[in-house]
């Protein structure tokens, strides 16, 4: 049989060729690429737009055959008499290209990778799925892998094929639902998407769910990431961070929306490089132990502040490359600062290029809107009961902790995950299998997540934003809890802010707003958050909530922040709060740095800096913050004077600290307080000090006890209480 006869015998008929181009064919390798035929083989390629194609020897480039046009536009076919390793020489209008045939390569993903993924236990997903730089059979290129079990066809479109998805249909690895393709000579920086034909024949493009880089919005493409990992220099930090972040350590967290923090700073681009030179030194100078970043996984809508993320493995390109972010974390660790990142597994946006109806079906989300839609945010809810989705989310969490050495994740909107009726009226939600409102699948997911993080990322912490009284949020999983390290104390925040917003003349009637939090202060490992949520949506700034004239407003804020730093619980303050920013935060605005020209604002900033340093230096203020033995009321019932006094107690041999808060504008001389130790008590802090903008009423640095029993103690102090102030004393004996 002649070469022409062989070719004719293996040419695809019209029907087969149309199936190859159509929407009902999931194995392009059955038709494209090399197929043995006698001593030779038939080679087919789908190259729409090519003028001619030759098959050449891989070693010396000699022509082995010219390919004939097939039954449909773009299809080229040839019979090659020998099975010589080959390349394709493609003649495009005005250019020629030599490349290996993508359909000449074998299976890419190993069986164990597929098994672990389908079981929800492939926690190194970022190294197996998405776009991976790889060398296959000695040929460099990119291996593309995506999960789309209900798709009829998946193709890769990108810069490397002029966004013509017909050129690179992928191979389905059924029954796993995984699609894969190796494309030779694709380089880092190339943009791409997956073109998917859904079960009903609909055609759409999707960004890569496991992309490590994404195009800067409003662009929506994924980007092939650079090879290799950033080389960190923080081994000592990583080995010690467990102790640095434990319940006995001082945690003072500076919450930051990066672009608005950097806006107005010198520099052309508000990115990670500028954050290294500006943000990290500022956090060090202010005495914060951690920087917490509002979500930085790629998100399409800037007005969501990152809380509607679509690429859970890609640091947003707004601030630079993934390597730039890694360098920021490394620099923070070198400066002694931990980095926490907000992470959002509770919901995802409905943008067409994202996870929504990814393969034409409700793949990542629930189909029924009573389970799958958050109406408050117009977002979809992950299907936590699906193993692949659960594994996808856990792999994302581990990626941030492992790949970037992030020290912890603050998990957003945990309450919305725990309850099936969250923000839903009767009849608008589906009970669990037992008829209850608890979301059993989400609960199991959170327990699994925290267990895996604890096992694989020593020293990392997991923080829950959970606004209800769900029991055991920070209890270990093996003890029946959810396994988080810390929980935001939302109740404390709302109660105390409500109290501080009242005119002091009315505060005596609302004394319990301050004391109530101590009834449950040790039921969880708490963080006291004055977060971004409290300075947006018409709530005003912190200073804007304080009543009275200008002096009283600043005095109230100073007293409140000082009370917070003395109160049991780790600390979190959103940017701008430390300098008494006047206006509420806007993501399009910037921190009001100009206010530091005003003495009261500069005084507020100095106060926060000194509180952080005092908090770290005084063991009684940060040890035993999660234990009732670390706190003792001295005066909790002086409603008439709006005065509170309590002791903070550390580990043995740590001197106790006495905190007294006068939340009225009346100075109170000769105020007697019982103390457990006789001798000198040194005044180590006074929010009314002149350096903070106060009236400088105080106790001349120290007070000596008298043998006058009061408050159940055999000795007492007679002190002067400044107006609208918090003062701290340390026992010197």
Foldseek 3Di string as FASTA:
>chain_A
DDFVVVQVVLADDLVVVVVLQAFQDFANLVNAAWDDDVQWTKHKFQAAQFPWKFKAAPPPGHTQGTWDDGNDHRMTMGIGNHHGQIWMWTHHVPDIDIGRDQSHADDDDDPVCLVCLQQLRNLQCLCGEAWHFDQGPNFTFTKHKAAQQQFSWKFKAWPVRVRPRSRGIWHADPPSRMTIITDTPDAFFIWMWMWTQGNVRDIDTAEGQSAQAADAPVHGTGTRHHDDAADFDQPVCLVCLLVCPALLHFAAEEEELQVQACPPPDDDASALVVCLVPVLVVCVLLQHQEYEYEAQAADHDVQVSNQQHFHLNYGHPSHHHPNSLLVSQRSNSVSNHAYEYEHEQFWHACDRRGDDCPNVARDQADRDCLQFADPVVRTTGGPLQRSSNLSSRLSSLVSCCPRRVHQEYEYPPVQSLQFSCVVHDPPSGDADPVRHGGNVSSLVSLQVSLVVCVVPRPSHFYEYAHADPPAACCPHVVVVHSNGNEYEDVLLQVLVLVLQLDALVCNLVSLCSNVVCVVCQQRTQYEHEPELVCQDDPNWASLQSGDDDPLRSLLLLLASVLVNLQAQHHYYYYPLSQQPQGGGDDSPHHRPPVSCVPQLSVLSNVSSSVSSVVCRVQSLRRACSNPPVQKAWFDSNPSVQSKGKIWGDHPPPGWIKIKMFGQAQDKDFQDKTADADFFKWFWPDKSQCVSNVHPRDWAVGIWGWDQDDDSNHRIITGIIGHGSMMIMITDPD
